[in-house]
Every structure is written in structure tokens, then in C-alpha cells.
Amino acid sequence: MAVPKRKMSRSNTRHRRSAWKASLPTVQKKVVNGRVTWVVPHRASVVTDSQGTPLFREYKNRRVADA
């Protein structure tokens, strides 16, 4: 593990930490059977039947897991 050669000042430490900002995930609009849902890209989405019961998860139109 890297060990710093000199002590980092409190100002520099706080400035470095403040540069890391969390960003909101981008969402995409998806219409399935006339129903609008919002999905996060690159994540498996839950496929439901007409009553809303979860059936399975799919990613890129392939079944990846049971619900």
C-alpha cells in the first residue's frame, strides 16, 4: 500500500474529498404492453404478467434469473 511522504493539510484533504460527487443514474422510458416503466440501463429488469406478479428478470431480452 502506498504511504504518503508528507502530511497532507486539512484544506487539501477536504478539497480532495469534496471532488467526489455521486451522480443520479440515468433512466430510460420503456413501454411494455401499453404500460410505461422507467428502467436503469445495464441492469436486469423484472418481467411481470398482466396482474403485476413478477415472473422473472431479463437482460437484453434474455431470461437471467427467477423472480
N, C-alpha and C. Protein backbone atom coordinates (compact mmCIF):
# COMPACT_ATOMS: atom_id res chain seq x y z
N MET A 1 0.84 -1.18 0.00
CA MET A 1 0.00 0.00 0.00
C MET A 1 0.88 1.24 0.00
N ALA A 2 0.44 2.27 -0.72
CA ALA A 2 1.22 3.49 -0.81
C ALA A 2 1.17 4.26 0.51
N VAL A 3 2.31 4.80 0.90
CA VAL A 3 2.40 5.59 2.12
C VAL A 3 2.82 6.99 1.73
N PRO A 4 2.08 8.01 2.16
CA PRO A 4 2.44 9.37 1.78
C PRO A 4 3.77 9.80 2.41
N LYS A 5 4.52 10.59 1.64
CA LYS A 5 5.83 11.03 2.12
C LYS A 5 5.69 12.18 3.11
N ARG A 6 4.67 13.01 2.91
CA ARG A 6 4.45 14.15 3.79
C ARG A 6 2.99 14.20 4.24
N LYS A 7 2.76 14.89 5.35
CA LYS A 7 1.40 15.04 5.87
C LYS A 7 0.60 15.94 4.93
N MET A 8 -0.62 15.53 4.67
CA MET A 8 -1.49 16.32 3.80
C MET A 8 -2.29 17.29 4.66
N SER A 9 -2.34 18.55 4.26
CA SER A 9 -3.02 19.55 5.06
C SER A 9 -4.53 19.28 5.10
N ARG A 10 -5.16 19.80 6.11
CA ARG A 10 -6.61 19.61 6.26
C ARG A 10 -7.36 20.22 5.08
N SER A 11 -6.90 21.36 4.60
CA SER A 11 -7.53 22.03 3.46
C SER A 11 -7.46 21.15 2.20
N ASN A 12 -6.29 20.59 1.94
CA ASN A 12 -6.14 19.74 0.75
C ASN A 12 -6.94 18.46 0.88
N THR A 13 -6.99 17.89 2.07
CA THR A 13 -7.76 16.66 2.28
C THR A 13 -9.23 16.91 2.00
N ARG A 14 -9.76 17.98 2.55
CA ARG A 14 -11.18 18.29 2.35
C ARG A 14 -11.48 18.65 0.90
N HIS A 15 -10.55 19.34 0.26
CA HIS A 15 -10.74 19.69 -1.14
C HIS A 15 -10.76 18.43 -2.01
N ARG A 16 -9.89 17.49 -1.72
CA ARG A 16 -9.85 16.24 -2.48
C ARG A 16 -11.14 15.45 -2.27
N ARG A 17 -11.61 15.37 -1.03
CA ARG A 17 -12.82 14.62 -0.73
C ARG A 17 -14.05 15.26 -1.36
N SER A 18 -14.06 16.58 -1.46
CA SER A 18 -15.24 17.26 -1.99
C SER A 18 -15.36 17.09 -3.50
N ALA A 19 -14.30 16.63 -4.16
CA ALA A 19 -14.35 16.46 -5.61
C ALA A 19 -15.16 15.23 -6.01
N TRP A 20 -15.34 14.27 -5.09
CA TRP A 20 -16.10 13.06 -5.39
C TRP A 20 -17.57 13.33 -5.17
N LYS A 21 -18.32 13.38 -6.24
CA LYS A 21 -19.76 13.64 -6.15
C LYS A 21 -20.52 12.45 -6.72
N ALA A 22 -21.54 12.06 -6.04
CA ALA A 22 -22.40 11.00 -6.55
C ALA A 22 -23.32 11.58 -7.61
N SER A 23 -23.58 10.81 -8.65
CA SER A 23 -24.47 11.29 -9.71
C SER A 23 -25.70 10.40 -9.77
N LEU A 24 -26.79 10.97 -10.19
CA LEU A 24 -28.02 10.22 -10.33
C LEU A 24 -27.92 9.26 -11.50
N PRO A 25 -28.46 8.06 -11.37
CA PRO A 25 -28.42 7.13 -12.50
C PRO A 25 -29.35 7.61 -13.61
N THR A 26 -28.96 7.36 -14.84
CA THR A 26 -29.81 7.73 -15.95
C THR A 26 -30.91 6.68 -16.09
N VAL A 27 -32.11 7.13 -16.37
CA VAL A 27 -33.22 6.21 -16.54
C VAL A 27 -33.76 6.34 -17.96
N GLN A 28 -34.29 5.24 -18.46
CA GLN A 28 -34.85 5.23 -19.80
C GLN A 28 -36.31 4.83 -19.73
N LYS A 29 -37.11 5.41 -20.61
CA LYS A 29 -38.53 5.12 -20.67
C LYS A 29 -38.73 3.87 -21.53
N LYS A 30 -39.51 2.91 -21.00
CA LYS A 30 -39.75 1.67 -21.71
C LYS A 30 -41.25 1.40 -21.66
N VAL A 31 -41.86 1.12 -22.83
CA VAL A 31 -43.28 0.85 -22.91
C VAL A 31 -43.48 -0.64 -23.18
N VAL A 32 -44.15 -1.34 -22.24
CA VAL A 32 -44.42 -2.76 -22.37
C VAL A 32 -45.92 -2.96 -22.20
N ASN A 33 -46.55 -3.49 -23.25
CA ASN A 33 -48.00 -3.73 -23.25
C ASN A 33 -48.80 -2.47 -22.91
N GLY A 34 -48.36 -1.34 -23.44
CA GLY A 34 -49.07 -0.08 -23.20
C GLY A 34 -48.79 0.53 -21.83
N ARG A 35 -47.94 -0.08 -21.05
CA ARG A 35 -47.63 0.41 -19.71
C ARG A 35 -46.23 1.02 -19.72
N VAL A 36 -46.12 2.23 -19.20
CA VAL A 36 -44.85 2.95 -19.20
C VAL A 36 -44.08 2.59 -17.93
N THR A 37 -42.84 2.14 -18.09
CA THR A 37 -41.97 1.89 -16.95
C THR A 37 -40.65 2.60 -17.17
N TRP A 38 -39.96 2.88 -16.10
CA TRP A 38 -38.66 3.53 -16.16
C TRP A 38 -37.62 2.52 -15.71
N VAL A 39 -36.59 2.31 -16.52
CA VAL A 39 -35.56 1.33 -16.23
C VAL A 39 -34.19 1.98 -16.23
N VAL A 40 -33.29 1.42 -15.43
CA VAL A 40 -31.90 1.86 -15.41
C VAL A 40 -31.15 0.99 -16.42
N PRO A 41 -30.44 1.59 -17.37
CA PRO A 41 -29.74 0.78 -18.37
C PRO A 41 -28.65 -0.09 -17.74
N HIS A 42 -28.36 -1.21 -18.37
CA HIS A 42 -27.34 -2.17 -17.94
C HIS A 42 -27.69 -2.83 -16.62
N ARG A 43 -28.98 -3.01 -16.35
CA ARG A 43 -29.43 -3.75 -15.18
C ARG A 43 -30.58 -4.63 -15.60
N ALA A 44 -30.70 -5.75 -14.95
CA ALA A 44 -31.78 -6.67 -15.26
C ALA A 44 -33.11 -6.05 -14.80
N SER A 45 -34.14 -6.20 -15.63
CA SER A 45 -35.45 -5.68 -15.27
C SER A 45 -36.40 -6.82 -14.98
N VAL A 46 -37.39 -6.55 -14.15
CA VAL A 46 -38.36 -7.56 -13.75
C VAL A 46 -39.48 -7.61 -14.78
N VAL A 47 -39.80 -8.80 -15.24
CA VAL A 47 -40.91 -9.00 -16.18
C VAL A 47 -42.11 -9.46 -15.37
N THR A 48 -43.24 -8.77 -15.56
CA THR A 48 -44.45 -9.10 -14.81
C THR A 48 -45.55 -9.53 -15.76
N ASP A 49 -46.54 -10.22 -15.21
CA ASP A 49 -47.70 -10.58 -16.02
C ASP A 49 -48.73 -9.45 -15.95
N SER A 50 -49.94 -9.68 -16.50
CA SER A 50 -50.93 -8.61 -16.60
C SER A 50 -51.42 -8.13 -15.23
N GLN A 51 -51.37 -8.99 -14.21
CA GLN A 51 -51.80 -8.57 -12.87
C GLN A 51 -50.69 -7.89 -12.08
N GLY A 52 -49.48 -7.91 -12.59
CA GLY A 52 -48.36 -7.27 -11.91
C GLY A 52 -47.53 -8.21 -11.08
N THR A 53 -47.78 -9.51 -11.21
CA THR A 53 -46.98 -10.50 -10.48
C THR A 53 -45.62 -10.67 -11.16
N PRO A 54 -44.52 -10.53 -10.40
CA PRO A 54 -43.20 -10.70 -11.02
C PRO A 54 -42.97 -12.14 -11.46
N LEU A 55 -42.51 -12.32 -12.69
CA LEU A 55 -42.28 -13.65 -13.23
C LEU A 55 -40.80 -14.01 -13.24
N PHE A 56 -39.99 -13.16 -13.86
CA PHE A 56 -38.55 -13.40 -13.94
C PHE A 56 -37.85 -12.10 -14.27
N ARG A 57 -36.53 -12.14 -14.23
CA ARG A 57 -35.71 -10.98 -14.61
C ARG A 57 -35.12 -11.23 -15.98
N GLU A 58 -35.03 -10.15 -16.76
CA GLU A 58 -34.43 -10.28 -18.08
C GLU A 58 -33.43 -9.18 -18.32
N TYR A 59 -32.42 -9.49 -19.13
CA TYR A 59 -31.40 -8.54 -19.51
C TYR A 59 -31.12 -8.75 -20.98
N LYS A 60 -31.24 -7.71 -21.77
CA LYS A 60 -31.07 -7.77 -23.22
C LYS A 60 -31.98 -8.83 -23.84
N ASN A 61 -33.25 -8.81 -23.41
CA ASN A 61 -34.28 -9.72 -23.91
C ASN A 61 -33.97 -11.19 -23.66
N ARG A 62 -33.16 -11.49 -22.65
CA ARG A 62 -32.88 -12.88 -22.28
C ARG A 62 -33.19 -13.07 -20.81
N ARG A 63 -33.69 -14.23 -20.46
CA ARG A 63 -34.03 -14.54 -19.08
C ARG A 63 -32.74 -14.83 -18.31
N VAL A 64 -32.54 -14.10 -17.21
CA VAL A 64 -31.30 -14.27 -16.46
C VAL A 64 -31.52 -14.81 -15.05
N ALA A 65 -32.72 -14.63 -14.47
CA ALA A 65 -32.95 -15.10 -13.11
C ALA A 65 -34.44 -15.23 -12.86
N ASP A 66 -34.80 -16.03 -11.87
CA ASP A 66 -36.19 -16.14 -11.43
C ASP A 66 -36.49 -15.02 -10.47
N ALA A 67 -37.74 -14.62 -10.44
CA ALA A 67 -38.14 -13.53 -9.56
C ALA A 67 -38.40 -13.96 -8.19
